[in-house]
Amino acid sequence: MKNLNLEYCSHGSEEIALIFRSLKMNSTVTSLNLSNNRFGDRGTNMISKLLEINSTITSLYLKGNWISDAGANMISQSLQKNTTLTLIDLSYNNNIGVEGTKRILESLEQNTTLTSLDLSCNNIEYNRIKLISKCLEVNSTICSLYLSWNLIGIEETKLISKSLQINTTLSLLDLSSNMMGVEGAKMISQSLQINST
């Protein structure tokens, strides 16, 4: 079995511990979906430990699990050690704030395999867009970035547009359901005239 989908299973930290033990030595599962179980940072801690020792999982979905800055920090530490994960979905985790976002982005300086990052619906505003934009200016591995359903307005779009003029690896950027309007769309369009990826 390569794909394990346990979304909406009401798994708490005890169930996550069982999953951790079963996948610790597993060498076949490449996609793990634990979305919408709301296991919080305790469950996230075990998932982070799993990432440090498992070398087969390439896609991890943690959407809607009440992950906070503490949990994001745990994930960031594991991303610095993991060399197989290519996709991580952290969408709908509104408790991840500036500090947690900063840690995740900093881990990308060490991680060279992650190519897809989903931060949709996390109430991301100016301060975090500023961090994300700076990351995009120097990151050379992220190809797909999902930022839909956040708090991205004109000022945030300016930052993103600037980073797109510098970034040479991003091939997919999802900014749907934000508040950039026509002016923001024009900014993105102008940046794409410079960006060749």
C-alpha atoms as a PDB file:
ATOM      1  CA  MET A   1       0.000   0.000   0.000  1.00  0.00           C
ATOM      2  CA  LYS A   2       1.367   3.381  -1.044  1.00  0.00           C
ATOM      3  CA  ASN A   3      -1.444   5.768  -0.096  1.00  0.00           C
ATOM      4  CA  LEU A   4      -2.834   5.938   3.447  1.00  0.00           C
ATOM      5  CA  ASN A   5      -5.826   8.261   3.865  1.00  0.00           C
ATOM      6  CA  LEU A   6      -7.053   8.780   7.439  1.00  0.00           C
ATOM      7  CA  GLU A   7      -8.811  12.105   6.921  1.00  0.00           C
ATOM      8  CA  TYR A   8     -11.777  12.926   9.193  1.00  0.00           C
ATOM      9  CA  CYS A   9     -11.172   9.922  11.465  1.00  0.00           C
ATOM     10  CA  SER A  10     -11.278  11.867  14.757  1.00  0.00           C
ATOM     11  CA  HIS A  11      -7.771  10.700  15.577  1.00  0.00           C
ATOM     12  CA  GLY A  12      -6.298  12.130  18.778  1.00  0.00           C
ATOM     13  CA  SER A  13      -2.746  11.830  20.072  1.00  0.00           C
ATOM     14  CA  GLU A  14      -3.266   8.192  21.142  1.00  0.00           C
ATOM     15  CA  GLU A  15      -4.294   7.131  17.644  1.00  0.00           C
ATOM     16  CA  ILE A  16      -1.439   9.143  16.143  1.00  0.00           C
ATOM     17  CA  ALA A  17       0.940   7.247  18.442  1.00  0.00           C
ATOM     18  CA  LEU A  18      -0.308   3.964  16.953  1.00  0.00           C
ATOM     19  CA  ILE A  19       0.161   5.306  13.438  1.00  0.00           C
ATOM     20  CA  PHE A  20       3.652   6.463  14.388  1.00  0.00           C
ATOM     21  CA  ARG A  21       4.617   2.983  15.552  1.00  0.00           C
ATOM     22  CA  SER A  22       3.216   1.300  12.452  1.00  0.00           C
ATOM     23  CA  LEU A  23       4.908   3.667  10.007  1.00  0.00           C
ATOM     24  CA  LYS A  24       8.214   3.939  11.824  1.00  0.00           C
ATOM     25  CA  MET A  25       9.606   0.927   9.971  1.00  0.00           C
ATOM     26  CA  ASN A  26       7.237   0.993   6.986  1.00  0.00           C
ATOM     27  CA  SER A  27       8.900   1.270   3.592  1.00  0.00           C
ATOM     28  CA  THR A  28       5.904   1.307   1.241  1.00  0.00           C
ATOM     29  CA  VAL A  29       3.590   4.192   2.217  1.00  0.00           C
ATOM     30  CA  THR A  30       4.540   7.299   0.251  1.00  0.00           C
ATOM     31  CA  SER A  31       1.431   9.443   0.834  1.00  0.00           C
ATOM     32  CA  LEU A  32      -0.041  10.047   4.309  1.00  0.00           C
ATOM     33  CA  ASN A  33      -3.250  12.052   4.731  1.00  0.00           C
ATOM     34  CA  LEU A  34      -4.108  12.961   8.327  1.00  0.00           C
ATOM     35  CA  SER A  35      -6.192  16.025   7.511  1.00  0.00           C
ATOM     36  CA  ASN A  36      -9.008  17.279   9.733  1.00  0.00           C
ATOM     37  CA  ASN A  37      -8.329  15.129  12.780  1.00  0.00           C
ATOM     38  CA  ARG A  38      -7.669  18.085  15.106  1.00  0.00           C
ATOM     39  CA  PHE A  39      -4.942  16.292  17.048  1.00  0.00           C
ATOM     40  CA  GLY A  40      -3.130  19.547  17.855  1.00  0.00           C
ATOM     41  CA  ASP A  41       0.521  19.913  18.793  1.00  0.00           C
ATOM     42  CA  ARG A  42       0.739  16.612  20.707  1.00  0.00           C
ATOM     43  CA  GLY A  43      -0.101  14.665  17.580  1.00  0.00           C
ATOM     44  CA  THR A  44       2.087  16.962  15.502  1.00  0.00           C
ATOM     45  CA  ASN A  45       5.027  16.149  17.766  1.00  0.00           C
ATOM     46  CA  MET A  46       4.761  12.454  16.884  1.00  0.00           C
ATOM     47  CA  ILE A  47       4.319  13.173  13.182  1.00  0.00           C
ATOM     48  CA  SER A  48       7.443  15.344  13.303  1.00  0.00           C
ATOM     49  CA  LYS A  49       9.424  12.530  14.905  1.00  0.00           C
ATOM     50  CA  LEU A  50       8.157  10.197  12.192  1.00  0.00           C
ATOM     51  CA  LEU A  51       9.462  12.552   9.505  1.00  0.00           C
ATOM     52  CA  GLU A  52      12.919  12.397  11.044  1.00  0.00           C
ATOM     53  CA  ILE A  53      13.198   8.619  10.692  1.00  0.00           C
ATOM     54  CA  ASN A  54      10.866   7.658   7.835  1.00  0.00           C
ATOM     55  CA  SER A  55      12.500   7.758   4.407  1.00  0.00           C
ATOM     56  CA  THR A  56       9.588   6.814   2.143  1.00  0.00           C
ATOM     57  CA  ILE A  57       6.793   9.343   2.785  1.00  0.00           C
ATOM     58  CA  THR A  58       6.866  11.999   0.077  1.00  0.00           C
ATOM     59  CA  SER A  59       3.453  13.631   0.595  1.00  0.00           C
ATOM     60  CA  LEU A  60       2.038  14.661   3.987  1.00  0.00           C
ATOM     61  CA  TYR A  61      -1.374  16.261   4.471  1.00  0.00           C
ATOM     62  CA  LEU A  62      -1.972  17.935   7.850  1.00  0.00           C
ATOM     63  CA  LYS A  63      -4.851  20.222   6.928  1.00  0.00           C
ATOM     64  CA  GLY A  64      -7.122  21.379   9.762  1.00  0.00           C
ATOM     65  CA  ASN A  65      -5.356  19.847  12.764  1.00  0.00           C
ATOM     66  CA  TRP A  66      -5.227  22.815  15.155  1.00  0.00           C
ATOM     67  CA  ILE A  67      -1.464  23.135  14.770  1.00  0.00           C
ATOM     68  CA  SER A  68      -0.021  26.184  16.577  1.00  0.00           C
ATOM     69  CA  ASP A  69       3.377  27.918  16.495  1.00  0.00           C
ATOM     70  CA  ALA A  70       4.744  25.186  18.767  1.00  0.00           C
ATOM     71  CA  GLY A  71       3.650  22.473  16.345  1.00  0.00           C
ATOM     72  CA  ALA A  72       4.998  24.426  13.378  1.00  0.00           C
ATOM     73  CA  ASN A  73       8.359  24.640  15.139  1.00  0.00           C
ATOM     74  CA  MET A  74       8.358  20.849  15.572  1.00  0.00           C
ATOM     75  CA  ILE A  75       7.635  20.391  11.878  1.00  0.00           C
ATOM     76  CA  SER A  76      10.371  22.837  10.921  1.00  0.00           C
ATOM     77  CA  GLN A  77      12.953  20.906  12.922  1.00  0.00           C
ATOM     78  CA  SER A  78      11.982  17.654  11.215  1.00  0.00           C
ATOM     79  CA  LEU A  79      12.081  19.290   7.773  1.00  0.00           C
ATOM     80  CA  GLN A  80      15.710  20.195   8.369  1.00  0.00           C
ATOM     81  CA  LYS A  81      16.513  16.489   8.736  1.00  0.00           C
ATOM     82  CA  ASN A  82      14.051  14.918   6.293  1.00  0.00           C
ATOM     83  CA  THR A  83      15.326  14.254   2.766  1.00  0.00           C
ATOM     84  CA  THR A  84      12.330  12.606   1.082  1.00  0.00           C
ATOM     85  CA  LEU A  85       9.248  14.778   1.669  1.00  0.00           C
ATOM     86  CA  THR A  86       8.272  16.763  -1.420  1.00  0.00           C
ATOM     87  CA  LEU A  87       4.807  18.011  -0.394  1.00  0.00           C
ATOM     88  CA  ILE A  88       3.353  19.234   2.892  1.00  0.00           C
ATOM     89  CA  ASP A  89      -0.152  20.604   3.392  1.00  0.00           C
ATOM     90  CA  LEU A  90      -0.522  22.878   6.429  1.00  0.00           C
ATOM     91  CA  SER A  91      -3.706  24.612   5.298  1.00  0.00           C
ATOM     92  CA  TYR A  92      -6.579  25.461   7.659  1.00  0.00           C
ATOM     93  CA  ASN A  93      -4.295  25.673  10.704  1.00  0.00           C
ATOM     94  CA  ASN A  94      -5.211  29.187  11.842  1.00  0.00           C
ATOM     95  CA  ASN A  95      -3.196  28.954  15.059  1.00  0.00           C
ATOM     96  CA  ILE A  96       0.081  29.097  13.162  1.00  0.00           C
ATOM     97  CA  GLY A  97       1.233  32.689  13.569  1.00  0.00           C
ATOM     98  CA  VAL A  98       4.270  34.760  12.636  1.00  0.00           C
ATOM     99  CA  GLU A  99       6.729  32.711  14.695  1.00  0.00           C
ATOM    100  CA  GLY A 100       5.531  29.369  13.359  1.00  0.00           C
ATOM    101  CA  THR A 101       5.579  30.604   9.773  1.00  0.00           C
ATOM    102  CA  LYS A 102       9.077  31.969  10.287  1.00  0.00           C
ATOM    103  CA  ARG A 103      10.326  28.594  11.555  1.00  0.00           C
ATOM    104  CA  ILE A 104       8.793  26.704   8.622  1.00  0.00           C
ATOM    105  CA  LEU A 105      10.381  29.080   6.122  1.00  0.00           C
ATOM    106  CA  GLU A 106      13.753  28.940   7.878  1.00  0.00           C
ATOM    107  CA  SER A 107      13.723  25.151   7.625  1.00  0.00           C
ATOM    108  CA  LEU A 108      13.556  25.493   3.844  1.00  0.00           C
ATOM    109  CA  GLU A 109      17.085  26.889   3.942  1.00  0.00           C
ATOM    110  CA  GLN A 110      18.266  23.417   4.995  1.00  0.00           C
ATOM    111  CA  ASN A 111      15.667  21.283   3.214  1.00  0.00           C
ATOM    112  CA  THR A 112      16.346  20.753  -0.495  1.00  0.00           C
ATOM    113  CA  THR A 113      13.610  18.246  -1.385  1.00  0.00           C
ATOM    114  CA  LEU A 114      10.328  19.986  -0.489  1.00  0.00           C
ATOM    115  CA  THR A 115       8.769  21.380  -3.663  1.00  0.00           C
ATOM    116  CA  SER A 116       5.129  21.995  -2.666  1.00  0.00           C
ATOM    117  CA  LEU A 117       3.887  23.982   0.359  1.00  0.00           C
ATOM    118  CA  ASP A 118       0.225  24.652   1.148  1.00  0.00           C
ATOM    119  CA  LEU A 119      -0.512  27.483   3.602  1.00  0.00           C
ATOM    120  CA  SER A 120      -4.056  28.199   2.458  1.00  0.00           C
ATOM    121  CA  CYS A 121      -6.673  29.532   4.880  1.00  0.00           C
ATOM    122  CA  ASN A 122      -4.271  30.408   7.700  1.00  0.00           C
ATOM    123  CA  ASN A 123      -5.218  34.097   8.156  1.00  0.00           C
ATOM    124  CA  ILE A 124      -1.865  35.070   6.658  1.00  0.00           C
ATOM    125  CA  GLU A 125      -1.450  38.855   6.622  1.00  0.00           C
ATOM    126  CA  TYR A 126       1.262  41.457   5.961  1.00  0.00           C
ATOM    127  CA  ASN A 127       3.880  40.326   8.490  1.00  0.00           C
ATOM    128  CA  ARG A 128       3.815  36.728   7.321  1.00  0.00           C
ATOM    129  CA  ILE A 129       3.597  37.641   3.633  1.00  0.00           C
ATOM    130  CA  LYS A 130       6.740  39.690   4.217  1.00  0.00           C
ATOM    131  CA  LEU A 131       8.496  36.556   5.494  1.00  0.00           C
ATOM    132  CA  ILE A 132       7.143  34.424   2.649  1.00  0.00           C
ATOM    133  CA  SER A 133       8.204  36.972   0.031  1.00  0.00           C
ATOM    134  CA  LYS A 134      11.749  37.136   1.397  1.00  0.00           C
ATOM    135  CA  CYS A 135      11.874  33.350   1.320  1.00  0.00           C
ATOM    136  CA  LEU A 136      10.752  33.287  -2.318  1.00  0.00           C
ATOM    137  CA  GLU A 137      13.547  35.648  -3.266  1.00  0.00           C
ATOM    138  CA  VAL A 138      16.219  33.157  -2.194  1.00  0.00           C
ATOM    139  CA  ASN A 139      14.523  29.741  -2.252  1.00  0.00           C
ATOM    140  CA  SER A 140      15.378  27.514  -5.209  1.00  0.00           C
ATOM    141  CA  THR A 141      13.308  24.395  -4.473  1.00  0.00           C
ATOM    142  CA  ILE A 142       9.661  25.382  -3.888  1.00  0.00           C
ATOM    143  CA  CYS A 143       7.782  24.998  -7.182  1.00  0.00           C
ATOM    144  CA  SER A 144       4.192  25.128  -5.900  1.00  0.00           C
ATOM    145  CA  LEU A 145       2.920  27.524  -3.221  1.00  0.00           C
ATOM    146  CA  TYR A 146      -0.717  27.701  -2.139  1.00  0.00           C
ATOM    147  CA  LEU A 147      -1.867  30.890  -0.375  1.00  0.00           C
ATOM    148  CA  SER A 148      -5.586  30.932  -1.139  1.00  0.00           C
ATOM    149  CA  TRP A 149      -8.201  32.153   1.369  1.00  0.00           C
ATOM    150  CA  ASN A 150      -5.828  34.359   3.355  1.00  0.00           C
ATOM    151  CA  LEU A 151      -5.733  38.096   4.118  1.00  0.00           C
ATOM    152  CA  ILE A 152      -3.753  39.176   1.081  1.00  0.00           C
ATOM    153  CA  GLY A 153      -4.624  42.711  -0.014  1.00  0.00           C
ATOM    154  CA  ILE A 154      -2.820  45.362  -2.064  1.00  0.00           C
ATOM    155  CA  GLU A 155       0.163  45.844   0.268  1.00  0.00           C
ATOM    156  CA  GLU A 156       0.706  42.107   0.579  1.00  0.00           C
ATOM    157  CA  THR A 157       0.433  41.711  -3.192  1.00  0.00           C
ATOM    158  CA  LYS A 158       3.165  44.327  -3.657  1.00  0.00           C
ATOM    159  CA  LEU A 159       5.533  42.166  -1.620  1.00  0.00           C
ATOM    160  CA  ILE A 160       4.630  39.023  -3.534  1.00  0.00           C
ATOM    161  CA  SER A 161       4.995  40.790  -6.886  1.00  0.00           C
ATOM    162  CA  LYS A 162       8.477  41.965  -5.986  1.00  0.00           C
ATOM    163  CA  SER A 163       9.565  38.462  -5.006  1.00  0.00           C
ATOM    164  CA  LEU A 164       8.175  37.019  -8.255  1.00  0.00           C
ATOM    165  CA  GLN A 165      10.514  39.273 -10.206  1.00  0.00           C
ATOM    166  CA  ILE A 166      13.454  37.594  -8.472  1.00  0.00           C
ATOM    167  CA  ASN A 167      12.289  34.001  -7.971  1.00  0.00           C
ATOM    168  CA  THR A 168      13.298  31.567 -10.737  1.00  0.00           C
ATOM    169  CA  THR A 169      11.782  28.266  -9.571  1.00  0.00           C
ATOM    170  CA  LEU A 170       8.121  28.843  -8.683  1.00  0.00           C
ATOM    171  CA  SER A 171       5.821  27.398 -11.352  1.00  0.00           C
ATOM    172  CA  LEU A 172       2.484  27.458  -9.465  1.00  0.00           C
ATOM    173  CA  LEU A 173       1.203  30.180  -7.131  1.00  0.00           C
ATOM    174  CA  ASP A 174      -2.382  29.999  -5.858  1.00  0.00           C
ATOM    175  CA  LEU A 175      -3.662  33.376  -4.646  1.00  0.00           C
ATOM    176  CA  SER A 176      -7.356  32.665  -5.178  1.00  0.00           C
ATOM    177  CA  SER A 177     -10.018  34.002  -2.802  1.00  0.00           C
ATOM    178  CA  ASN A 178      -7.921  36.858  -1.464  1.00  0.00           C
ATOM    179  CA  MET A 179      -8.526  40.625  -1.488  1.00  0.00           C
ATOM    180  CA  MET A 180      -6.038  41.917  -4.045  1.00  0.00           C
ATOM    181  CA  GLY A 181      -8.642  43.175  -6.529  1.00  0.00           C
ATOM    182  CA  VAL A 182      -7.911  44.523 -10.002  1.00  0.00           C
ATOM    183  CA  GLU A 183      -4.916  46.570  -8.863  1.00  0.00           C
ATOM    184  CA  GLY A 184      -3.303  43.532  -7.270  1.00  0.00           C
ATOM    185  CA  ALA A 185      -3.945  41.448 -10.367  1.00  0.00           C
ATOM    186  CA  LYS A 186      -2.165  44.092 -12.452  1.00  0.00           C
ATOM    187  CA  MET A 187       0.847  43.928 -10.126  1.00  0.00           C
ATOM    188  CA  ILE A 188       1.067  40.169 -10.486  1.00  0.00           C
ATOM    189  CA  SER A 189       0.669  40.465 -14.251  1.00  0.00           C
ATOM    190  CA  GLN A 190       3.527  42.958 -14.492  1.00  0.00           C
ATOM    191  CA  SER A 191       5.761  40.702 -12.412  1.00  0.00           C
ATOM    192  CA  LEU A 192       5.020  37.757 -14.676  1.00  0.00           C
ATOM    193  CA  GLN A 193       6.334  39.749 -17.620  1.00  0.00           C
ATOM    194  CA  ILE A 194       9.716  39.662 -15.891  1.00  0.00           C
ATOM    195  CA  ASN A 195       9.449  36.177 -14.375  1.00  0.00           C
ATOM    196  CA  SER A 196      10.266  33.422 -16.890  1.00  0.00           C
ATOM    197  CA  THR A 197       9.288  30.335 -14.877  1.00  0.00           C
END
